[in-house]
Amino acid sequence: MAPCIPFHQDTRRHYLRCPHCQLVQVPARYHLSPEHEQAEYALHNNDPVDRGYRRFLSRLSVPLSERLSPGAEGLDFGCGPGPALAMMLEEQGFSMTLYDLYFADHPEHLCRQYDFITATEVVEHLSQPGQTLQALWSCLRPGGWLGLMTKMVTSEEAFARWHYIRDPTHIAFFSRETFIFWCRQQRATVEFVGSDVILLHKPSTTVSQ
């Protein structure tokens, strides 16, 4: 496996890109401690009843719910202190389970199977994104959906001016090419909805290698 190569550097951090999947990552020496990371998350105002926040989350909930069977069981991974998305999906008749390392740390919930999993504004915080995505994928039943929201890298020029890299908790930056590469490995399909919603579909049956 070829090593990651320099992609960008600013006054705070360096950024490396994988030559295979195009994922851009921040080296571990720049990662926040768990205590500082949790303190940053506590500053987020994710009110479950805020109409603007619900409208933002609907960019994922609407296209995802259109692809789910009635009563489907889901996991909201990285739900945060105010699990608004889970509430919205429960209002549509879906059964939701919560997991968050800091706000709903129930590891037993990651040992079950679900019809769908959501992760909104989560994957950019992952220090081991490949391992985490694989773990979530193993929690999906055949034919299940993994619904993600994250802003994506478009070019080196745009990256240098991107507000997304100013957040010190953002350490992994995906592009369309990253998701296409990953889905090819899983024999899965990917749909891009707008600029920041990604729907990954697990095959209903095992595909021969």
N, C-alpha and C. Protein backbone atom coordinates (compact mmCIF):
# COMPACT_ATOMS: atom_id res chain seq x y z
N MET A 1 0.84 -1.18 0.00
CA MET A 1 0.00 0.00 0.00
C MET A 1 0.88 1.25 0.00
N ALA A 2 0.68 2.12 -0.98
CA ALA A 2 1.49 3.32 -1.08
C ALA A 2 1.15 4.27 0.06
N PRO A 3 2.17 4.97 0.61
CA PRO A 3 1.91 5.90 1.71
C PRO A 3 1.11 7.11 1.24
N CYS A 4 0.47 7.77 2.19
CA CYS A 4 -0.25 9.00 1.86
C CYS A 4 0.75 10.08 1.47
N ILE A 5 0.29 11.03 0.66
CA ILE A 5 1.17 12.06 0.14
C ILE A 5 0.69 13.43 0.61
N PRO A 6 1.59 14.41 0.73
CA PRO A 6 1.18 15.75 1.15
C PRO A 6 0.14 16.33 0.21
N PHE A 7 -0.87 16.95 0.79
CA PHE A 7 -1.96 17.52 0.01
C PHE A 7 -2.10 19.02 0.24
N HIS A 8 -1.98 19.43 1.51
CA HIS A 8 -2.16 20.84 1.84
C HIS A 8 -1.50 21.11 3.19
N GLN A 9 -1.14 22.36 3.42
CA GLN A 9 -0.58 22.77 4.70
C GLN A 9 -1.03 24.19 4.99
N ASP A 10 -1.50 24.41 6.21
CA ASP A 10 -1.82 25.78 6.63
C ASP A 10 -1.05 26.09 7.90
N THR A 11 -1.39 27.17 8.56
CA THR A 11 -0.63 27.58 9.74
C THR A 11 -0.86 26.68 10.94
N ARG A 12 -1.89 25.84 10.89
CA ARG A 12 -2.24 25.00 12.04
C ARG A 12 -1.89 23.53 11.85
N ARG A 13 -2.10 23.01 10.61
CA ARG A 13 -2.00 21.57 10.42
C ARG A 13 -1.48 21.22 9.03
N HIS A 14 -1.05 19.97 8.90
CA HIS A 14 -0.74 19.38 7.61
C HIS A 14 -1.88 18.44 7.23
N TYR A 15 -2.04 18.20 5.94
CA TYR A 15 -3.09 17.32 5.43
C TYR A 15 -2.47 16.38 4.41
N LEU A 16 -2.79 15.09 4.54
CA LEU A 16 -2.25 14.06 3.65
C LEU A 16 -3.39 13.41 2.88
N ARG A 17 -3.10 12.98 1.65
CA ARG A 17 -4.14 12.33 0.84
C ARG A 17 -3.69 10.94 0.43
N CYS A 18 -4.62 9.98 0.53
CA CYS A 18 -4.36 8.62 0.08
C CYS A 18 -4.38 8.60 -1.45
N PRO A 19 -3.35 8.06 -2.10
CA PRO A 19 -3.33 8.04 -3.57
C PRO A 19 -4.32 7.06 -4.18
N HIS A 20 -4.89 6.18 -3.36
CA HIS A 20 -5.83 5.18 -3.86
C HIS A 20 -7.28 5.65 -3.73
N CYS A 21 -7.68 5.99 -2.50
CA CYS A 21 -9.09 6.33 -2.27
C CYS A 21 -9.35 7.83 -2.23
N GLN A 22 -8.28 8.64 -2.24
CA GLN A 22 -8.38 10.10 -2.26
C GLN A 22 -8.86 10.70 -0.94
N LEU A 23 -8.94 9.90 0.13
CA LEU A 23 -9.29 10.45 1.43
C LEU A 23 -8.17 11.38 1.91
N VAL A 24 -8.56 12.54 2.40
CA VAL A 24 -7.60 13.49 2.97
C VAL A 24 -7.70 13.41 4.49
N GLN A 25 -6.57 13.23 5.17
CA GLN A 25 -6.57 13.09 6.62
C GLN A 25 -5.55 14.00 7.27
N VAL A 26 -5.83 14.34 8.51
CA VAL A 26 -4.92 15.11 9.35
C VAL A 26 -4.08 14.13 10.16
N PRO A 27 -2.75 14.25 10.16
CA PRO A 27 -1.91 13.34 10.95
C PRO A 27 -2.29 13.35 12.43
N ALA A 28 -2.04 12.22 13.09
CA ALA A 28 -2.49 12.02 14.46
C ALA A 28 -1.93 13.06 15.43
N ARG A 29 -0.76 13.62 15.14
CA ARG A 29 -0.17 14.58 16.08
C ARG A 29 -1.00 15.85 16.22
N TYR A 30 -1.92 16.07 15.29
CA TYR A 30 -2.78 17.26 15.35
C TYR A 30 -4.15 16.96 15.95
N HIS A 31 -4.43 15.72 16.29
CA HIS A 31 -5.75 15.37 16.82
C HIS A 31 -5.91 15.90 18.24
N LEU A 32 -7.12 16.33 18.56
CA LEU A 32 -7.42 16.79 19.91
C LEU A 32 -7.50 15.61 20.87
N SER A 33 -7.27 15.89 22.14
CA SER A 33 -7.49 14.88 23.16
C SER A 33 -8.99 14.63 23.27
N PRO A 34 -9.41 13.47 23.80
CA PRO A 34 -10.85 13.23 23.98
C PRO A 34 -11.54 14.32 24.79
N GLU A 35 -10.85 14.85 25.81
CA GLU A 35 -11.46 15.89 26.64
C GLU A 35 -11.70 17.17 25.85
N HIS A 36 -10.72 17.58 25.06
CA HIS A 36 -10.88 18.80 24.26
C HIS A 36 -11.89 18.59 23.13
N GLU A 37 -11.91 17.38 22.59
CA GLU A 37 -12.86 17.08 21.53
C GLU A 37 -14.29 17.16 22.05
N GLN A 38 -14.54 16.56 23.20
CA GLN A 38 -15.87 16.60 23.78
C GLN A 38 -16.28 18.04 24.11
N ALA A 39 -15.34 18.84 24.58
CA ALA A 39 -15.64 20.23 24.89
C ALA A 39 -16.06 21.00 23.64
N GLU A 40 -15.43 20.69 22.51
CA GLU A 40 -15.82 21.33 21.25
C GLU A 40 -17.24 20.93 20.85
N TYR A 41 -17.56 19.64 20.99
CA TYR A 41 -18.90 19.17 20.63
C TYR A 41 -19.97 19.80 21.52
N ALA A 42 -19.63 20.05 22.77
CA ALA A 42 -20.60 20.62 23.70
C ALA A 42 -20.99 22.04 23.29
N LEU A 43 -20.19 22.68 22.45
CA LEU A 43 -20.49 24.03 21.99
C LEU A 43 -21.53 24.04 20.87
N HIS A 44 -21.78 22.88 20.26
CA HIS A 44 -22.73 22.80 19.16
C HIS A 44 -24.16 22.95 19.69
N ASN A 45 -24.94 23.72 19.00
CA ASN A 45 -26.34 23.94 19.40
C ASN A 45 -27.25 23.14 18.48
N ASN A 46 -27.44 21.87 18.80
CA ASN A 46 -28.25 20.98 17.96
C ASN A 46 -29.58 20.70 18.66
N ASP A 47 -30.45 21.68 18.66
CA ASP A 47 -31.73 21.59 19.35
C ASP A 47 -32.69 20.73 18.52
N PRO A 48 -33.19 19.62 19.08
CA PRO A 48 -34.08 18.73 18.33
C PRO A 48 -35.37 19.39 17.83
N VAL A 49 -35.78 20.50 18.45
CA VAL A 49 -37.03 21.14 18.02
C VAL A 49 -36.78 22.38 17.17
N ASP A 50 -35.51 22.68 16.89
CA ASP A 50 -35.19 23.84 16.07
C ASP A 50 -35.57 23.57 14.61
N ARG A 51 -36.41 24.41 14.05
CA ARG A 51 -36.90 24.17 12.69
C ARG A 51 -35.78 24.23 11.66
N GLY A 52 -34.86 25.15 11.85
CA GLY A 52 -33.76 25.26 10.90
C GLY A 52 -32.87 24.03 10.92
N TYR A 53 -32.62 23.50 12.11
CA TYR A 53 -31.79 22.30 12.22
C TYR A 53 -32.51 21.10 11.63
N ARG A 54 -33.80 21.01 11.87
CA ARG A 54 -34.59 19.92 11.28
C ARG A 54 -34.59 20.02 9.75
N ARG A 55 -34.67 21.22 9.24
CA ARG A 55 -34.65 21.40 7.78
C ARG A 55 -33.31 20.94 7.22
N PHE A 56 -32.24 21.25 7.94
CA PHE A 56 -30.90 20.80 7.54
C PHE A 56 -30.84 19.27 7.51
N LEU A 57 -31.32 18.61 8.57
CA LEU A 57 -31.27 17.15 8.64
C LEU A 57 -32.20 16.48 7.65
N SER A 58 -33.24 17.18 7.23
CA SER A 58 -34.18 16.59 6.27
C SER A 58 -33.52 16.30 4.93
N ARG A 59 -32.38 16.92 4.66
CA ARG A 59 -31.66 16.63 3.43
C ARG A 59 -31.23 15.17 3.38
N LEU A 60 -31.07 14.55 4.58
CA LEU A 60 -30.78 13.13 4.65
C LEU A 60 -32.04 12.32 4.94
N SER A 61 -32.84 12.77 5.89
CA SER A 61 -33.98 11.96 6.34
C SER A 61 -34.99 11.73 5.23
N VAL A 62 -35.22 12.71 4.38
CA VAL A 62 -36.24 12.56 3.34
C VAL A 62 -35.83 11.52 2.29
N PRO A 63 -34.67 11.66 1.63
CA PRO A 63 -34.32 10.63 0.63
C PRO A 63 -34.08 9.26 1.23
N LEU A 64 -33.57 9.21 2.47
CA LEU A 64 -33.36 7.91 3.10
C LEU A 64 -34.69 7.23 3.39
N SER A 65 -35.63 7.94 4.00
CA SER A 65 -36.91 7.35 4.37
C SER A 65 -37.67 6.85 3.15
N GLU A 66 -37.46 7.49 2.01
CA GLU A 66 -38.11 7.05 0.78
C GLU A 66 -37.63 5.68 0.33
N ARG A 67 -36.49 5.25 0.82
CA ARG A 67 -35.90 3.97 0.42
C ARG A 67 -36.10 2.87 1.46
N LEU A 68 -36.75 3.21 2.58
CA LEU A 68 -36.91 2.26 3.68
C LEU A 68 -38.29 1.64 3.69
N SER A 69 -38.36 0.42 4.21
CA SER A 69 -39.65 -0.25 4.39
C SER A 69 -40.29 0.27 5.68
N PRO A 70 -41.62 0.27 5.74
CA PRO A 70 -42.31 0.71 6.97
C PRO A 70 -41.82 -0.07 8.19
N GLY A 71 -41.58 0.64 9.28
CA GLY A 71 -41.16 0.00 10.52
C GLY A 71 -39.71 -0.43 10.56
N ALA A 72 -38.90 0.01 9.59
CA ALA A 72 -37.49 -0.38 9.56
C ALA A 72 -36.78 0.05 10.84
N GLU A 73 -35.77 -0.74 11.23
CA GLU A 73 -35.01 -0.48 12.45
C GLU A 73 -33.70 0.21 12.10
N GLY A 74 -33.41 1.31 12.80
CA GLY A 74 -32.22 2.08 12.48
C GLY A 74 -31.36 2.41 13.67
N LEU A 75 -30.11 2.74 13.40
CA LEU A 75 -29.15 3.20 14.39
C LEU A 75 -28.68 4.58 13.98
N ASP A 76 -28.76 5.55 14.91
CA ASP A 76 -28.21 6.88 14.68
C ASP A 76 -26.84 6.91 15.34
N PHE A 77 -25.79 6.77 14.53
CA PHE A 77 -24.42 6.69 15.01
C PHE A 77 -23.85 8.10 15.11
N GLY A 78 -23.34 8.45 16.32
CA GLY A 78 -22.86 9.81 16.52
C GLY A 78 -24.01 10.78 16.68
N CYS A 79 -25.00 10.39 17.47
CA CYS A 79 -26.25 11.16 17.57
C CYS A 79 -26.08 12.49 18.27
N GLY A 80 -25.01 12.66 19.06
CA GLY A 80 -24.80 13.91 19.77
C GLY A 80 -25.71 14.05 20.97
N PRO A 81 -25.65 15.19 21.66
CA PRO A 81 -26.46 15.38 22.87
C PRO A 81 -27.94 15.59 22.59
N GLY A 82 -28.28 16.01 21.37
CA GLY A 82 -29.69 16.22 21.01
C GLY A 82 -30.01 15.43 19.76
N PRO A 83 -30.47 14.19 19.89
CA PRO A 83 -30.65 13.29 18.74
C PRO A 83 -31.85 13.67 17.86
N ALA A 84 -31.73 14.81 17.20
CA ALA A 84 -32.84 15.32 16.40
C ALA A 84 -33.20 14.40 15.24
N LEU A 85 -32.19 13.88 14.55
CA LEU A 85 -32.47 13.02 13.39
C LEU A 85 -33.24 11.78 13.82
N ALA A 86 -32.83 11.16 14.92
CA ALA A 86 -33.54 9.98 15.40
C ALA A 86 -34.99 10.31 15.73
N MET A 87 -35.22 11.47 16.33
CA MET A 87 -36.59 11.89 16.64
C MET A 87 -37.41 12.05 15.37
N MET A 88 -36.81 12.65 14.35
CA MET A 88 -37.50 12.87 13.08
C MET A 88 -37.88 11.54 12.43
N LEU A 89 -36.96 10.58 12.47
CA LEU A 89 -37.24 9.28 11.85
C LEU A 89 -38.25 8.47 12.66
N GLU A 90 -38.20 8.61 13.99
CA GLU A 90 -39.21 7.96 14.82
C GLU A 90 -40.59 8.51 14.53
N GLU A 91 -40.68 9.80 14.26
CA GLU A 91 -41.96 10.42 13.92
C GLU A 91 -42.53 9.86 12.62
N GLN A 92 -41.67 9.29 11.79
CA GLN A 92 -42.11 8.68 10.54
C GLN A 92 -42.39 7.19 10.70
N GLY A 93 -42.28 6.69 11.94
CA GLY A 93 -42.64 5.30 12.20
C GLY A 93 -41.49 4.33 12.22
N PHE A 94 -40.25 4.83 12.16
CA PHE A 94 -39.10 3.95 12.21
C PHE A 94 -38.62 3.79 13.65
N SER A 95 -38.07 2.63 13.96
CA SER A 95 -37.54 2.35 15.29
C SER A 95 -36.07 2.74 15.33
N MET A 96 -35.68 3.57 16.30
CA MET A 96 -34.33 4.11 16.33
C MET A 96 -33.59 3.73 17.62
N THR A 97 -32.30 3.41 17.45
CA THR A 97 -31.37 3.17 18.55
C THR A 97 -30.26 4.21 18.44
N LEU A 98 -29.73 4.64 19.58
CA LEU A 98 -28.73 5.71 19.59
C LEU A 98 -27.35 5.18 20.01
N TYR A 99 -26.33 5.78 19.38
CA TYR A 99 -24.96 5.56 19.86
C TYR A 99 -24.15 6.83 19.63
N ASP A 100 -23.39 7.20 20.65
CA ASP A 100 -22.44 8.31 20.54
C ASP A 100 -21.36 8.08 21.58
N LEU A 101 -20.12 8.21 21.17
CA LEU A 101 -18.99 7.93 22.07
C LEU A 101 -19.05 8.77 23.33
N TYR A 102 -19.54 10.02 23.20
CA TYR A 102 -19.53 10.93 24.33
C TYR A 102 -20.90 11.13 24.98
N PHE A 103 -21.97 10.97 24.22
CA PHE A 103 -23.28 11.33 24.73
C PHE A 103 -24.26 10.16 24.83
N ALA A 104 -23.94 9.02 24.25
CA ALA A 104 -24.79 7.83 24.36
C ALA A 104 -23.91 6.60 24.15
N ASP A 105 -22.96 6.44 25.06
CA ASP A 105 -21.94 5.41 24.90
C ASP A 105 -22.48 4.05 25.34
N HIS A 106 -23.14 3.38 24.40
CA HIS A 106 -23.70 2.06 24.66
C HIS A 106 -23.12 1.10 23.61
N PRO A 107 -21.92 0.58 23.86
CA PRO A 107 -21.25 -0.26 22.86
C PRO A 107 -22.05 -1.49 22.47
N GLU A 108 -22.95 -1.94 23.34
CA GLU A 108 -23.76 -3.10 22.99
C GLU A 108 -24.67 -2.81 21.80
N HIS A 109 -24.95 -1.53 21.55
CA HIS A 109 -25.79 -1.18 20.40
C HIS A 109 -25.05 -1.38 19.07
N LEU A 110 -23.73 -1.53 19.15
CA LEU A 110 -22.94 -1.77 17.95
C LEU A 110 -22.75 -3.26 17.69
N CYS A 111 -23.43 -4.08 18.47
CA CYS A 111 -23.35 -5.54 18.31
C CYS A 111 -24.66 -6.09 17.77
N ARG A 112 -25.51 -5.24 17.26
CA ARG A 112 -26.80 -5.65 16.73
C ARG A 112 -26.85 -5.41 15.23
N GLN A 113 -27.92 -5.85 14.60
CA GLN A 113 -28.13 -5.67 13.17
C GLN A 113 -29.28 -4.68 12.96
N TYR A 114 -29.13 -3.86 11.93
CA TYR A 114 -30.12 -2.82 11.63
C TYR A 114 -30.45 -2.82 10.14
N ASP A 115 -31.63 -2.26 9.84
CA ASP A 115 -32.02 -2.09 8.44
C ASP A 115 -31.36 -0.86 7.83
N PHE A 116 -31.02 0.12 8.67
CA PHE A 116 -30.34 1.32 8.18
C PHE A 116 -29.56 1.95 9.32
N ILE A 117 -28.53 2.70 8.96
CA ILE A 117 -27.70 3.42 9.92
C ILE A 117 -27.50 4.83 9.38
N THR A 118 -27.60 5.82 10.27
CA THR A 118 -27.35 7.20 9.88
C THR A 118 -26.13 7.72 10.63
N ALA A 119 -25.41 8.63 9.99
CA ALA A 119 -24.27 9.31 10.62
C ALA A 119 -24.17 10.69 9.98
N THR A 120 -24.72 11.68 10.66
CA THR A 120 -24.75 13.04 10.11
C THR A 120 -23.64 13.87 10.73
N GLU A 121 -22.81 14.45 9.85
CA GLU A 121 -21.69 15.27 10.31
C GLU A 121 -20.85 14.51 11.33
N VAL A 122 -20.51 13.26 10.98
CA VAL A 122 -19.77 12.38 11.88
C VAL A 122 -18.45 11.92 11.26
N VAL A 123 -18.47 11.48 10.01
CA VAL A 123 -17.29 10.81 9.45
C VAL A 123 -16.08 11.72 9.35
N GLU A 124 -16.29 13.02 9.30
CA GLU A 124 -15.15 13.94 9.25
C GLU A 124 -14.39 14.01 10.58
N HIS A 125 -14.98 13.43 11.64
CA HIS A 125 -14.36 13.41 12.97
C HIS A 125 -13.59 12.11 13.25
N LEU A 126 -13.61 11.16 12.33
CA LEU A 126 -13.10 9.82 12.62
C LEU A 126 -11.59 9.72 12.41
N SER A 127 -10.89 9.18 13.43
CA SER A 127 -9.46 8.99 13.30
C SER A 127 -9.13 7.74 12.50
N GLN A 128 -10.04 6.77 12.49
CA GLN A 128 -9.87 5.55 11.70
C GLN A 128 -11.14 5.35 10.86
N PRO A 129 -11.35 6.18 9.87
CA PRO A 129 -12.63 6.14 9.14
C PRO A 129 -12.90 4.82 8.44
N GLY A 130 -11.87 4.19 7.88
CA GLY A 130 -12.09 2.92 7.20
C GLY A 130 -12.57 1.85 8.15
N GLN A 131 -11.95 1.76 9.32
CA GLN A 131 -12.35 0.76 10.31
C GLN A 131 -13.76 1.02 10.83
N THR A 132 -14.08 2.29 11.06
CA THR A 132 -15.40 2.61 11.58
C THR A 132 -16.48 2.32 10.55
N LEU A 133 -16.25 2.71 9.31
CA LEU A 133 -17.24 2.41 8.27
C LEU A 133 -17.43 0.91 8.11
N GLN A 134 -16.35 0.16 8.20
CA GLN A 134 -16.46 -1.29 8.07
C GLN A 134 -17.26 -1.88 9.23
N ALA A 135 -17.05 -1.34 10.43
CA ALA A 135 -17.80 -1.82 11.60
C ALA A 135 -19.28 -1.52 11.44
N LEU A 136 -19.62 -0.33 10.97
CA LEU A 136 -21.01 0.02 10.76
C LEU A 136 -21.62 -0.85 9.66
N TRP A 137 -20.85 -1.11 8.62
CA TRP A 137 -21.32 -1.93 7.50
C TRP A 137 -21.68 -3.33 7.99
N SER A 138 -20.89 -3.85 8.94
CA SER A 138 -21.16 -5.19 9.47
C SER A 138 -22.42 -5.21 10.32
N CYS A 139 -22.88 -4.04 10.78
CA CYS A 139 -24.12 -3.96 11.56
C CYS A 139 -25.36 -3.85 10.68
N LEU A 140 -25.16 -3.72 9.38
CA LEU A 140 -26.29 -3.60 8.46
C LEU A 140 -26.76 -4.97 7.99
N ARG A 141 -28.05 -5.15 7.99
CA ARG A 141 -28.61 -6.36 7.39
C ARG A 141 -28.45 -6.30 5.87
N PRO A 142 -28.47 -7.44 5.19
CA PRO A 142 -28.44 -7.43 3.72
C PRO A 142 -29.56 -6.54 3.17
N GLY A 143 -29.22 -5.73 2.20
CA GLY A 143 -30.18 -4.80 1.63
C GLY A 143 -30.32 -3.51 2.42
N GLY A 144 -29.48 -3.33 3.47
CA GLY A 144 -29.59 -2.15 4.31
C GLY A 144 -28.95 -0.92 3.71
N TRP A 145 -29.22 0.21 4.36
CA TRP A 145 -28.72 1.51 3.89
C TRP A 145 -27.86 2.17 4.97
N LEU A 146 -26.76 2.77 4.54
CA LEU A 146 -25.93 3.61 5.39
C LEU A 146 -26.04 5.03 4.85
N GLY A 147 -26.68 5.91 5.63
CA GLY A 147 -26.89 7.28 5.20
C GLY A 147 -25.95 8.24 5.89
N LEU A 148 -25.14 8.96 5.13
CA LEU A 148 -24.14 9.86 5.68
C LEU A 148 -24.40 11.30 5.23
N MET A 149 -24.01 12.22 6.08
CA MET A 149 -23.92 13.63 5.69
C MET A 149 -22.53 14.13 6.04
N THR A 150 -21.83 14.63 5.05
CA THR A 150 -20.53 15.26 5.26
C THR A 150 -20.21 16.09 4.04
N LYS A 151 -19.57 17.19 4.22
CA LYS A 151 -19.15 18.00 3.08
C LYS A 151 -17.92 17.35 2.46
N MET A 152 -17.82 17.47 1.13
CA MET A 152 -16.80 16.71 0.42
C MET A 152 -15.78 17.58 -0.28
N VAL A 153 -14.58 17.04 -0.39
CA VAL A 153 -13.48 17.70 -1.09
C VAL A 153 -13.81 17.76 -2.57
N THR A 154 -13.60 18.91 -3.17
CA THR A 154 -13.85 19.06 -4.61
C THR A 154 -12.57 19.32 -5.40
N SER A 155 -11.64 20.09 -4.82
CA SER A 155 -10.38 20.39 -5.51
C SER A 155 -9.37 20.88 -4.49
N GLU A 156 -8.09 20.86 -4.87
CA GLU A 156 -7.05 21.38 -3.99
C GLU A 156 -7.23 22.87 -3.76
N GLU A 157 -7.60 23.60 -4.81
CA GLU A 157 -7.77 25.04 -4.68
C GLU A 157 -8.89 25.38 -3.70
N ALA A 158 -10.04 24.69 -3.82
CA ALA A 158 -11.16 24.96 -2.93
C ALA A 158 -10.84 24.52 -1.50
N PHE A 159 -10.06 23.47 -1.36
CA PHE A 159 -9.71 22.97 -0.03
C PHE A 159 -8.97 24.03 0.77
N ALA A 160 -8.07 24.76 0.13
CA ALA A 160 -7.27 25.76 0.83
C ALA A 160 -8.13 26.88 1.40
N ARG A 161 -9.29 27.14 0.78
CA ARG A 161 -10.17 28.23 1.23
C ARG A 161 -11.37 27.72 2.03
N TRP A 162 -11.42 26.42 2.29
CA TRP A 162 -12.61 25.75 2.81
C TRP A 162 -12.80 26.00 4.30
N HIS A 163 -13.97 26.46 4.68
CA HIS A 163 -14.25 26.67 6.11
C HIS A 163 -14.24 25.37 6.90
N TYR A 164 -14.51 24.26 6.22
CA TYR A 164 -14.65 22.96 6.88
C TYR A 164 -13.36 22.53 7.58
N ILE A 165 -12.22 22.94 7.06
CA ILE A 165 -10.95 22.52 7.64
C ILE A 165 -10.56 23.39 8.83
N ARG A 166 -11.34 24.44 9.11
CA ARG A 166 -11.03 25.32 10.25
C ARG A 166 -11.44 24.69 11.58
N ASP A 167 -12.35 23.74 11.54
CA ASP A 167 -12.81 23.08 12.75
C ASP A 167 -11.74 22.10 13.21
N PRO A 168 -11.19 22.25 14.43
CA PRO A 168 -10.10 21.37 14.86
C PRO A 168 -10.52 19.92 15.07
N THR A 169 -11.83 19.65 15.15
CA THR A 169 -12.29 18.27 15.31
C THR A 169 -12.47 17.58 13.96
N HIS A 170 -12.37 18.30 12.86
CA HIS A 170 -12.49 17.72 11.52
C HIS A 170 -11.12 17.21 11.10
N ILE A 171 -10.99 15.90 10.95
CA ILE A 171 -9.68 15.30 10.68
C ILE A 171 -9.70 14.33 9.50
N ALA A 172 -10.86 14.11 8.88
CA ALA A 172 -10.98 13.21 7.72
C ALA A 172 -11.92 13.85 6.71
N PHE A 173 -11.46 13.97 5.48
CA PHE A 173 -12.22 14.68 4.46
C PHE A 173 -12.40 13.79 3.23
N PHE A 174 -13.65 13.46 2.97
CA PHE A 174 -14.00 12.54 1.90
C PHE A 174 -14.29 13.29 0.61
N SER A 175 -14.23 12.56 -0.48
CA SER A 175 -14.67 13.07 -1.78
C SER A 175 -15.58 12.02 -2.41
N ARG A 176 -16.19 12.35 -3.51
CA ARG A 176 -16.99 11.35 -4.22
C ARG A 176 -16.15 10.14 -4.58
N GLU A 177 -14.91 10.40 -4.99
CA GLU A 177 -14.03 9.31 -5.36
C GLU A 177 -13.77 8.36 -4.19
N THR A 178 -13.70 8.93 -2.98
CA THR A 178 -13.48 8.09 -1.80
C THR A 178 -14.61 7.11 -1.61
N PHE A 179 -15.84 7.60 -1.69
CA PHE A 179 -17.00 6.72 -1.49
C PHE A 179 -17.14 5.71 -2.63
N ILE A 180 -16.86 6.12 -3.84
CA ILE A 180 -16.93 5.20 -4.96
C ILE A 180 -15.90 4.08 -4.79
N PHE A 181 -14.69 4.44 -4.36
CA PHE A 181 -13.63 3.46 -4.12
C PHE A 181 -14.07 2.47 -3.04
N TRP A 182 -14.60 3.00 -1.93
CA TRP A 182 -14.99 2.14 -0.81
C TRP A 182 -16.12 1.21 -1.20
N CYS A 183 -17.11 1.73 -1.92
CA CYS A 183 -18.24 0.90 -2.32
C CYS A 183 -17.83 -0.17 -3.32
N ARG A 184 -16.86 0.11 -4.13
CA ARG A 184 -16.37 -0.90 -5.06
C ARG A 184 -15.78 -2.07 -4.28
N GLN A 185 -15.10 -1.79 -3.19
CA GLN A 185 -14.54 -2.85 -2.36
C GLN A 185 -15.63 -3.68 -1.68
N GLN A 186 -16.75 -3.03 -1.33
CA GLN A 186 -17.84 -3.72 -0.63
C GLN A 186 -18.86 -4.33 -1.58
N ARG A 187 -18.68 -4.16 -2.88
CA ARG A 187 -19.67 -4.57 -3.87
C ARG A 187 -21.01 -3.89 -3.58
N ALA A 188 -20.93 -2.64 -3.17
CA ALA A 188 -22.12 -1.88 -2.82
C ALA A 188 -22.37 -0.80 -3.86
N THR A 189 -23.50 -0.13 -3.73
CA THR A 189 -23.81 0.99 -4.62
C THR A 189 -23.87 2.27 -3.79
N VAL A 190 -23.63 3.38 -4.44
CA VAL A 190 -23.64 4.67 -3.76
C VAL A 190 -24.47 5.66 -4.56
N GLU A 191 -25.24 6.45 -3.84
CA GLU A 191 -26.02 7.54 -4.44
C GLU A 191 -25.64 8.84 -3.75
N PHE A 192 -25.40 9.88 -4.54
CA PHE A 192 -25.10 11.20 -4.01
C PHE A 192 -26.34 12.07 -4.18
N VAL A 193 -26.81 12.62 -3.07
CA VAL A 193 -27.99 13.47 -3.08
C VAL A 193 -27.55 14.88 -2.72
N GLY A 194 -27.56 15.78 -3.68
CA GLY A 194 -27.05 17.11 -3.42
C GLY A 194 -25.54 17.08 -3.21
N SER A 195 -25.04 18.04 -2.43
CA SER A 195 -23.60 18.19 -2.27
C SER A 195 -23.03 17.48 -1.06
N ASP A 196 -23.90 17.02 -0.12
CA ASP A 196 -23.34 16.49 1.12
C ASP A 196 -24.08 15.29 1.70
N VAL A 197 -24.94 14.66 0.93
CA VAL A 197 -25.66 13.47 1.39
C VAL A 197 -25.23 12.27 0.56
N ILE A 198 -24.85 11.21 1.26
CA ILE A 198 -24.35 10.00 0.60
C ILE A 198 -25.14 8.82 1.12
N LEU A 199 -25.73 8.05 0.21
CA LEU A 199 -26.51 6.87 0.57
C LEU A 199 -25.80 5.63 0.02
N LEU A 200 -25.36 4.76 0.92
CA LEU A 200 -24.66 3.53 0.54
C LEU A 200 -25.60 2.35 0.75
N HIS A 201 -25.74 1.53 -0.29
CA HIS A 201 -26.70 0.42 -0.26
C HIS A 201 -25.97 -0.90 -0.24
N LYS A 202 -26.23 -1.70 0.79
CA LYS A 202 -25.61 -3.01 0.92
C LYS A 202 -26.35 -4.02 0.04
N PRO A 203 -25.65 -4.87 -0.66
CA PRO A 203 -26.33 -5.87 -1.51
C PRO A 203 -27.27 -6.74 -0.68
N SER A 204 -28.37 -7.12 -1.30
CA SER A 204 -29.35 -7.98 -0.60
C SER A 204 -28.84 -9.41 -0.45
N THR A 205 -27.96 -9.81 -1.36
CA THR A 205 -27.39 -11.16 -1.31
C THR A 205 -25.89 -11.05 -1.47
N THR A 206 -25.17 -12.08 -1.03
CA THR A 206 -23.72 -12.10 -1.15
C THR A 206 -23.33 -12.17 -2.61
N VAL A 207 -22.40 -11.28 -2.99
CA VAL A 207 -21.93 -11.23 -4.37
C VAL A 207 -20.64 -12.02 -4.48
N SER A 208 -20.53 -12.88 -5.45
CA SER A 208 -19.32 -13.67 -5.64
C SER A 208 -18.14 -12.78 -5.95
N GLN A 209 -17.00 -13.13 -5.38
CA GLN A 209 -15.77 -12.35 -5.62
C GLN A 209 -15.22 -12.64 -7.02
